[in-house]
Amino acid sequence: MMNDCLGEEQDALVTAIANKHMHIETLKERKSDSMDFHSLSVWEIEAALKEALRTGIDIGIKMAVDHLKSDRNSTTK
């Protein structure tokens, strides 16, 4: 089940990462063991976690830069 604090855009991003690295179609519970539990290699898990971390860092950096630009624009007016 997806974390409720994430928005739809973040849910889609996490699902895309899971699909790309772990071949998991959806992260929604389907109430079927064969569909809800997956056998994964450690390198698949590692790749997915690293991409999620890199993506989160990139988003954080972009948000910080946007915030700094916004602050500069508001102080120069």
PDB file of N, CA and C in Angstrom:
ATOM      1  N   MET A   1       0.840  -1.178   0.000  1.00  0.00           N
ATOM      2  CA  MET A   1       0.000   0.000   0.000  1.00  0.00           C
ATOM      3  C   MET A   1       0.888   1.245   0.000  1.00  0.00           C
ATOM      4  N   MET A   2       0.518   2.209  -0.816  1.00  0.00           N
ATOM      5  CA  MET A   2       1.320   3.423  -0.947  1.00  0.00           C
ATOM      6  C   MET A   2       1.167   4.294   0.302  1.00  0.00           C
ATOM      7  N   ASN A   3       2.197   5.059   0.590  1.00  0.00           N
ATOM      8  CA  ASN A   3       2.181   5.975   1.722  1.00  0.00           C
ATOM      9  C   ASN A   3       1.199   7.110   1.423  1.00  0.00           C
ATOM     10  N   ASP A   4       0.259   7.325   2.314  1.00  0.00           N
ATOM     11  CA  ASP A   4      -0.776   8.328   2.080  1.00  0.00           C
ATOM     12  C   ASP A   4      -0.249   9.760   2.046  1.00  0.00           C
ATOM     13  N   CYS A   5       0.958  10.008   2.559  1.00  0.00           N
ATOM     14  CA  CYS A   5       1.487  11.371   2.554  1.00  0.00           C
ATOM     15  C   CYS A   5       2.042  11.765   1.183  1.00  0.00           C
ATOM     16  N   LEU A   6       2.181  10.809   0.293  1.00  0.00           N
ATOM     17  CA  LEU A   6       2.680  11.113  -1.045  1.00  0.00           C
ATOM     18  C   LEU A   6       1.526  11.491  -1.953  1.00  0.00           C
ATOM     19  N   GLY A   7       1.782  12.411  -2.855  1.00  0.00           N
ATOM     20  CA  GLY A   7       0.780  12.798  -3.825  1.00  0.00           C
ATOM     21  C   GLY A   7       0.750  11.821  -4.989  1.00  0.00           C
ATOM     22  N   GLU A   8      -0.193  12.036  -5.885  1.00  0.00           N
ATOM     23  CA  GLU A   8      -0.341  11.138  -7.040  1.00  0.00           C
ATOM     24  C   GLU A   8       0.906  11.124  -7.917  1.00  0.00           C
ATOM     25  N   GLU A   9       1.541  12.282  -8.072  1.00  0.00           N
ATOM     26  CA  GLU A   9       2.749  12.354  -8.908  1.00  0.00           C
ATOM     27  C   GLU A   9       3.873  11.502  -8.317  1.00  0.00           C
ATOM     28  N   GLN A  10       4.045  11.579  -6.995  1.00  0.00           N
ATOM     29  CA  GLN A  10       5.086  10.786  -6.339  1.00  0.00           C
ATOM     30  C   GLN A  10       4.742   9.301  -6.368  1.00  0.00           C
ATOM     31  N   ASP A  11       3.447   8.973  -6.192  1.00  0.00           N
ATOM     32  CA  ASP A  11       3.023   7.573  -6.289  1.00  0.00           C
ATOM     33  C   ASP A  11       3.369   7.002  -7.665  1.00  0.00           C
ATOM     34  N   ALA A  12       3.105   7.782  -8.701  1.00  0.00           N
ATOM     35  CA  ALA A  12       3.398   7.335 -10.070  1.00  0.00           C
ATOM     36  C   ALA A  12       4.901   7.146 -10.262  1.00  0.00           C
ATOM     37  N   LEU A  13       5.692   8.032  -9.692  1.00  0.00           N
ATOM     38  CA  LEU A  13       7.147   7.935  -9.801  1.00  0.00           C
ATOM     39  C   LEU A  13       7.668   6.686  -9.103  1.00  0.00           C
ATOM     40  N   VAL A  14       7.196   6.422  -7.903  1.00  0.00           N
ATOM     41  CA  VAL A  14       7.614   5.238  -7.150  1.00  0.00           C
ATOM     42  C   VAL A  14       7.188   3.966  -7.887  1.00  0.00           C
ATOM     43  N   THR A  15       5.990   3.966  -8.432  1.00  0.00           N
ATOM     44  CA  THR A  15       5.510   2.810  -9.192  1.00  0.00           C
ATOM     45  C   THR A  15       6.359   2.589 -10.435  1.00  0.00           C
ATOM     46  N   ALA A  16       6.738   3.671 -11.109  1.00  0.00           N
ATOM     47  CA  ALA A  16       7.585   3.556 -12.301  1.00  0.00           C
ATOM     48  C   ALA A  16       8.948   2.964 -11.951  1.00  0.00           C
ATOM     49  N   ILE A  17       9.505   3.371 -10.820  1.00  0.00           N
ATOM     50  CA  ILE A  17      10.799   2.832 -10.377  1.00  0.00           C
ATOM     51  C   ILE A  17      10.662   1.347 -10.055  1.00  0.00           C
ATOM     52  N   ALA A  18       9.589   0.974  -9.365  1.00  0.00           N
ATOM     53  CA  ALA A  18       9.357  -0.436  -9.034  1.00  0.00           C
ATOM     54  C   ALA A  18       9.195  -1.267 -10.301  1.00  0.00           C
ATOM     55  N   ASN A  19       8.510  -0.713 -11.273  1.00  0.00           N
ATOM     56  CA  ASN A  19       8.301  -1.427 -12.526  1.00  0.00           C
ATOM     57  C   ASN A  19       9.614  -1.580 -13.286  1.00  0.00           C
ATOM     58  N   LYS A  20      10.380  -0.506 -13.361  1.00  0.00           N
ATOM     59  CA  LYS A  20      11.638  -0.509 -14.117  1.00  0.00           C
ATOM     60  C   LYS A  20      12.657  -1.491 -13.541  1.00  0.00           C
ATOM     61  N   HIS A  21      12.826  -1.475 -12.232  1.00  0.00           N
ATOM     62  CA  HIS A  21      13.899  -2.259 -11.622  1.00  0.00           C
ATOM     63  C   HIS A  21      13.455  -3.611 -11.083  1.00  0.00           C
ATOM     64  N   MET A  22      12.173  -3.728 -10.706  1.00  0.00           N
ATOM     65  CA  MET A  22      11.721  -4.949 -10.059  1.00  0.00           C
ATOM     66  C   MET A  22      10.607  -5.655 -10.827  1.00  0.00           C
ATOM     67  N   HIS A  23      10.225  -5.069 -11.976  1.00  0.00           N
ATOM     68  CA  HIS A  23       9.192  -5.658 -12.832  1.00  0.00           C
ATOM     69  C   HIS A  23       7.876  -5.861 -12.078  1.00  0.00           C
ATOM     70  N   ILE A  24       7.576  -4.908 -11.183  1.00  0.00           N
ATOM     71  CA  ILE A  24       6.327  -4.922 -10.427  1.00  0.00           C
ATOM     72  C   ILE A  24       5.378  -3.953 -11.110  1.00  0.00           C
ATOM     73  N   GLU A  25       4.260  -4.469 -11.556  1.00  0.00           N
ATOM     74  CA  GLU A  25       3.301  -3.703 -12.347  1.00  0.00           C
ATOM     75  C   GLU A  25       2.617  -2.591 -11.553  1.00  0.00           C
ATOM     76  N   THR A  26       2.229  -2.899 -10.327  1.00  0.00           N
ATOM     77  CA  THR A  26       1.540  -1.923  -9.490  1.00  0.00           C
ATOM     78  C   THR A  26       1.939  -2.139  -8.040  1.00  0.00           C
ATOM     79  N   LEU A  27       1.860  -1.090  -7.249  1.00  0.00           N
ATOM     80  CA  LEU A  27       2.145  -1.199  -5.823  1.00  0.00           C
ATOM     81  C   LEU A  27       0.856  -1.204  -5.006  1.00  0.00           C
ATOM     82  N   LYS A  28      -0.243  -1.303  -5.674  1.00  0.00           N
ATOM     83  CA  LYS A  28      -1.537  -1.398  -5.001  1.00  0.00           C
ATOM     84  C   LYS A  28      -1.780  -2.848  -4.579  1.00  0.00           C
ATOM     85  N   GLU A  29      -2.348  -3.020  -3.398  1.00  0.00           N
ATOM     86  CA  GLU A  29      -2.675  -4.351  -2.905  1.00  0.00           C
ATOM     87  C   GLU A  29      -3.747  -4.982  -3.792  1.00  0.00           C
ATOM     88  N   ARG A  30      -3.494  -6.244  -4.189  1.00  0.00           N
ATOM     89  CA  ARG A  30      -4.453  -6.926  -5.051  1.00  0.00           C
ATOM     90  C   ARG A  30      -5.082  -8.143  -4.376  1.00  0.00           C
ATOM     91  N   LYS A  31      -4.762  -8.325  -3.101  1.00  0.00           N
ATOM     92  CA  LYS A  31      -5.337  -9.403  -2.287  1.00  0.00           C
ATOM     93  C   LYS A  31      -5.115 -10.788  -2.891  1.00  0.00           C
ATOM     94  N   SER A  32      -3.917 -10.966  -3.438  1.00  0.00           N
ATOM     95  CA  SER A  32      -3.515 -12.245  -4.006  1.00  0.00           C
ATOM     96  C   SER A  32      -2.030 -12.426  -3.724  1.00  0.00           C
ATOM     97  N   ASP A  33      -1.685 -13.495  -3.015  1.00  0.00           N
ATOM     98  CA  ASP A  33      -0.277 -13.707  -2.678  1.00  0.00           C
ATOM     99  C   ASP A  33       0.614 -13.695  -3.903  1.00  0.00           C
ATOM    100  N   SER A  34       0.179 -14.314  -4.979  1.00  0.00           N
ATOM    101  CA  SER A  34       1.021 -14.386  -6.173  1.00  0.00           C
ATOM    102  C   SER A  34       1.202 -13.018  -6.829  1.00  0.00           C
ATOM    103  N   MET A  35       0.295 -12.087  -6.552  1.00  0.00           N
ATOM    104  CA  MET A  35       0.405 -10.752  -7.138  1.00  0.00           C
ATOM    105  C   MET A  35       0.975  -9.724  -6.153  1.00  0.00           C
ATOM    106  N   ASP A  36       0.852  -9.983  -4.860  1.00  0.00           N
ATOM    107  CA  ASP A  36       1.288  -9.018  -3.851  1.00  0.00           C
ATOM    108  C   ASP A  36       2.676  -9.307  -3.281  1.00  0.00           C
ATOM    109  N   PHE A  37       3.186 -10.514  -3.460  1.00  0.00           N
ATOM    110  CA  PHE A  37       4.510 -10.865  -2.964  1.00  0.00           C
ATOM    111  C   PHE A  37       5.391 -11.217  -4.147  1.00  0.00           C
ATOM    112  N   HIS A  38       6.641 -10.729  -4.102  1.00  0.00           N
ATOM    113  CA  HIS A  38       7.551 -10.908  -5.234  1.00  0.00           C
ATOM    114  C   HIS A  38       8.897 -11.423  -4.742  1.00  0.00           C
ATOM    115  N   SER A  39       9.513 -12.256  -5.543  1.00  0.00           N
ATOM    116  CA  SER A  39      10.858 -12.744  -5.275  1.00  0.00           C
ATOM    117  C   SER A  39      11.819 -11.868  -6.070  1.00  0.00           C
ATOM    118  N   LEU A  40      12.687 -11.163  -5.352  1.00  0.00           N
ATOM    119  CA  LEU A  40      13.580 -10.194  -6.003  1.00  0.00           C
ATOM    120  C   LEU A  40      15.026 -10.448  -5.626  1.00  0.00           C
ATOM    121  N   SER A  41      15.905 -10.128  -6.540  1.00  0.00           N
ATOM    122  CA  SER A  41      17.332 -10.211  -6.229  1.00  0.00           C
ATOM    123  C   SER A  41      17.745  -8.953  -5.467  1.00  0.00           C
ATOM    124  N   VAL A  42      18.826  -9.064  -4.741  1.00  0.00           N
ATOM    125  CA  VAL A  42      19.299  -7.902  -3.982  1.00  0.00           C
ATOM    126  C   VAL A  42      19.727  -6.777  -4.920  1.00  0.00           C
ATOM    127  N   TRP A  43      20.250  -7.108  -6.109  1.00  0.00           N
ATOM    128  CA  TRP A  43      20.683  -6.059  -7.032  1.00  0.00           C
ATOM    129  C   TRP A  43      19.488  -5.321  -7.635  1.00  0.00           C
ATOM    130  N   GLU A  44      18.351  -5.989  -7.783  1.00  0.00           N
ATOM    131  CA  GLU A  44      17.147  -5.295  -8.250  1.00  0.00           C
ATOM    132  C   GLU A  44      16.650  -4.315  -7.183  1.00  0.00           C
ATOM    133  N   ILE A  45      16.663  -4.787  -5.945  1.00  0.00           N
ATOM    134  CA  ILE A  45      16.238  -3.928  -4.836  1.00  0.00           C
ATOM    135  C   ILE A  45      17.193  -2.758  -4.691  1.00  0.00           C
ATOM    136  N   GLU A  46      18.488  -3.030  -4.766  1.00  0.00           N
ATOM    137  CA  GLU A  46      19.494  -1.978  -4.648  1.00  0.00           C
ATOM    138  C   GLU A  46      19.312  -0.915  -5.743  1.00  0.00           C
ATOM    139  N   ALA A  47      19.115  -1.346  -6.970  1.00  0.00           N
ATOM    140  CA  ALA A  47      18.953  -0.402  -8.077  1.00  0.00           C
ATOM    141  C   ALA A  47      17.717   0.467  -7.880  1.00  0.00           C
ATOM    142  N   ALA A  48      16.626  -0.130  -7.441  1.00  0.00           N
ATOM    143  CA  ALA A  48      15.391   0.627  -7.214  1.00  0.00           C
ATOM    144  C   ALA A  48      15.574   1.635  -6.083  1.00  0.00           C
ATOM    145  N   LEU A  49      16.198   1.210  -4.991  1.00  0.00           N
ATOM    146  CA  LEU A  49      16.409   2.112  -3.857  1.00  0.00           C
ATOM    147  C   LEU A  49      17.338   3.263  -4.232  1.00  0.00           C
ATOM    148  N   LYS A  50      18.388   2.954  -4.973  1.00  0.00           N
ATOM    149  CA  LYS A  50      19.322   4.009  -5.389  1.00  0.00           C
ATOM    150  C   LYS A  50      18.646   5.013  -6.321  1.00  0.00           C
ATOM    151  N   GLU A  51      17.828   4.529  -7.253  1.00  0.00           N
ATOM    152  CA  GLU A  51      17.129   5.466  -8.135  1.00  0.00           C
ATOM    153  C   GLU A  51      16.141   6.320  -7.347  1.00  0.00           C
ATOM    154  N   ALA A  52      15.432   5.718  -6.406  1.00  0.00           N
ATOM    155  CA  ALA A  52      14.484   6.479  -5.580  1.00  0.00           C
ATOM    156  C   ALA A  52      15.220   7.538  -4.756  1.00  0.00           C
ATOM    157  N   LEU A  53      16.363   7.173  -4.195  1.00  0.00           N
ATOM    158  CA  LEU A  53      17.153   8.126  -3.418  1.00  0.00           C
ATOM    159  C   LEU A  53      17.661   9.262  -4.299  1.00  0.00           C
ATOM    160  N   ARG A  54      18.221   8.918  -5.466  1.00  0.00           N
ATOM    161  CA  ARG A  54      18.717   9.953  -6.392  1.00  0.00           C
ATOM    162  C   ARG A  54      17.580  10.877  -6.813  1.00  0.00           C
ATOM    163  N   THR A  55      16.435  10.308  -7.091  1.00  0.00           N
ATOM    164  CA  THR A  55      15.285  11.106  -7.504  1.00  0.00           C
ATOM    165  C   THR A  55      14.855  12.045  -6.392  1.00  0.00           C
ATOM    166  N   GLY A  56      14.798  11.542  -5.172  1.00  0.00           N
ATOM    167  CA  GLY A  56      14.434  12.384  -4.029  1.00  0.00           C
ATOM    168  C   GLY A  56      15.427  13.510  -3.805  1.00  0.00           C
ATOM    169  N   ILE A  57      16.701  13.207  -3.936  1.00  0.00           N
ATOM    170  CA  ILE A  57      17.736  14.241  -3.787  1.00  0.00           C
ATOM    171  C   ILE A  57      17.589  15.286  -4.885  1.00  0.00           C
ATOM    172  N   ASP A  58      17.392  14.843  -6.114  1.00  0.00           N
ATOM    173  CA  ASP A  58      17.219  15.780  -7.239  1.00  0.00           C
ATOM    174  C   ASP A  58      16.012  16.688  -7.025  1.00  0.00           C
ATOM    175  N   ILE A  59      14.910  16.113  -6.558  1.00  0.00           N
ATOM    176  CA  ILE A  59      13.700  16.906  -6.303  1.00  0.00           C
ATOM    177  C   ILE A  59      13.969  17.910  -5.185  1.00  0.00           C
ATOM    178  N   GLY A  60      14.659  17.477  -4.139  1.00  0.00           N
ATOM    179  CA  GLY A  60      14.989  18.375  -3.024  1.00  0.00           C
ATOM    180  C   GLY A  60      15.875  19.533  -3.471  1.00  0.00           C
ATOM    181  N   ILE A  61      16.859  19.244  -4.300  1.00  0.00           N
ATOM    182  CA  ILE A  61      17.752  20.292  -4.814  1.00  0.00           C
ATOM    183  C   ILE A  61      16.963  21.273  -5.666  1.00  0.00           C
ATOM    184  N   LYS A  62      16.096  20.759  -6.543  1.00  0.00           N
ATOM    185  CA  LYS A  62      15.289  21.633  -7.399  1.00  0.00           C
ATOM    186  C   LYS A  62      14.380  22.521  -6.548  1.00  0.00           C
ATOM    187  N   MET A  63      13.788  21.945  -5.512  1.00  0.00           N
ATOM    188  CA  MET A  63      12.907  22.735  -4.642  1.00  0.00           C
ATOM    189  C   MET A  63      13.694  23.842  -3.930  1.00  0.00           C
ATOM    190  N   ALA A  64      14.923  23.519  -3.474  1.00  0.00           N
ATOM    191  CA  ALA A  64      15.750  24.504  -2.789  1.00  0.00           C
ATOM    192  C   ALA A  64      16.156  25.627  -3.743  1.00  0.00           C
ATOM    193  N   VAL A  65      16.545  25.275  -4.962  1.00  0.00           N
ATOM    194  CA  VAL A  65      16.928  26.278  -5.960  1.00  0.00           C
ATOM    195  C   VAL A  65      15.733  27.165  -6.296  1.00  0.00           C
ATOM    196  N   ASP A  66      14.574  26.555  -6.519  1.00  0.00           N
ATOM    197  CA  ASP A  66      13.364  27.330  -6.809  1.00  0.00           C
ATOM    198  C   ASP A  66      13.030  28.282  -5.662  1.00  0.00           C
ATOM    199  N   HIS A  67      13.210  27.796  -4.426  1.00  0.00           N
ATOM    200  CA  HIS A  67      12.936  28.631  -3.250  1.00  0.00           C
ATOM    201  C   HIS A  67      13.906  29.814  -3.195  1.00  0.00           C
ATOM    202  N   LEU A  68      15.184  29.553  -3.468  1.00  0.00           N
ATOM    203  CA  LEU A  68      16.179  30.635  -3.458  1.00  0.00           C
ATOM    204  C   LEU A  68      15.886  31.662  -4.548  1.00  0.00           C
ATOM    205  N   LYS A  69      15.502  31.183  -5.726  1.00  0.00           N
ATOM    206  CA  LYS A  69      15.150  32.099  -6.819  1.00  0.00           C
ATOM    207  C   LYS A  69      13.942  32.933  -6.437  1.00  0.00           C
ATOM    208  N   SER A  70      12.975  32.316  -5.799  1.00  0.00           N
ATOM    209  CA  SER A  70      11.767  33.016  -5.370  1.00  0.00           C
ATOM    210  C   SER A  70      12.112  34.087  -4.338  1.00  0.00           C
ATOM    211  N   ASP A  71      12.996  33.748  -3.391  1.00  0.00           N
ATOM    212  CA  ASP A  71      13.426  34.715  -2.384  1.00  0.00           C
ATOM    213  C   ASP A  71      14.139  35.901  -3.019  1.00  0.00           C
ATOM    214  N   ARG A  72      15.014  35.627  -3.976  1.00  0.00           N
ATOM    215  CA  ARG A  72      15.741  36.706  -4.664  1.00  0.00           C
ATOM    216  C   ARG A  72      14.781  37.619  -5.414  1.00  0.00           C
ATOM    217  N   ASN A  73      13.828  37.030  -6.092  1.00  0.00           N
ATOM    218  CA  ASN A  73      12.863  37.830  -6.855  1.00  0.00           C
ATOM    219  C   ASN A  73      12.004  38.692  -5.943  1.00  0.00           C
ATOM    220  N   SER A  74      11.663  38.200  -4.778  1.00  0.00           N
ATOM    221  CA  SER A  74      10.808  38.968  -3.870  1.00  0.00           C
ATOM    222  C   SER A  74      11.593  40.085  -3.182  1.00  0.00           C
ATOM    223  N   THR A  75      12.911  39.933  -2.998  1.00  0.00           N
ATOM    224  CA  THR A  75      13.708  40.965  -2.352  1.00  0.00           C
ATOM    225  C   THR A  75      14.189  42.033  -3.323  1.00  0.00           C
ATOM    226  N   THR A  76      14.193  41.724  -4.622  1.00  0.00           N
ATOM    227  CA  THR A  76      14.651  42.701  -5.608  1.00  0.00           C
ATOM    228  C   THR A  76      13.532  43.595  -6.104  1.00  0.00           C
ATOM    229  N   LYS A  77      12.313  43.327  -5.694  1.00  0.00           N
ATOM    230  CA  LYS A  77      11.185  44.135  -6.149  1.00  0.00           C
ATOM    231  C   LYS A  77      10.891  45.263  -5.200  1.00  0.00           C
TER     232      LYS A  77
END
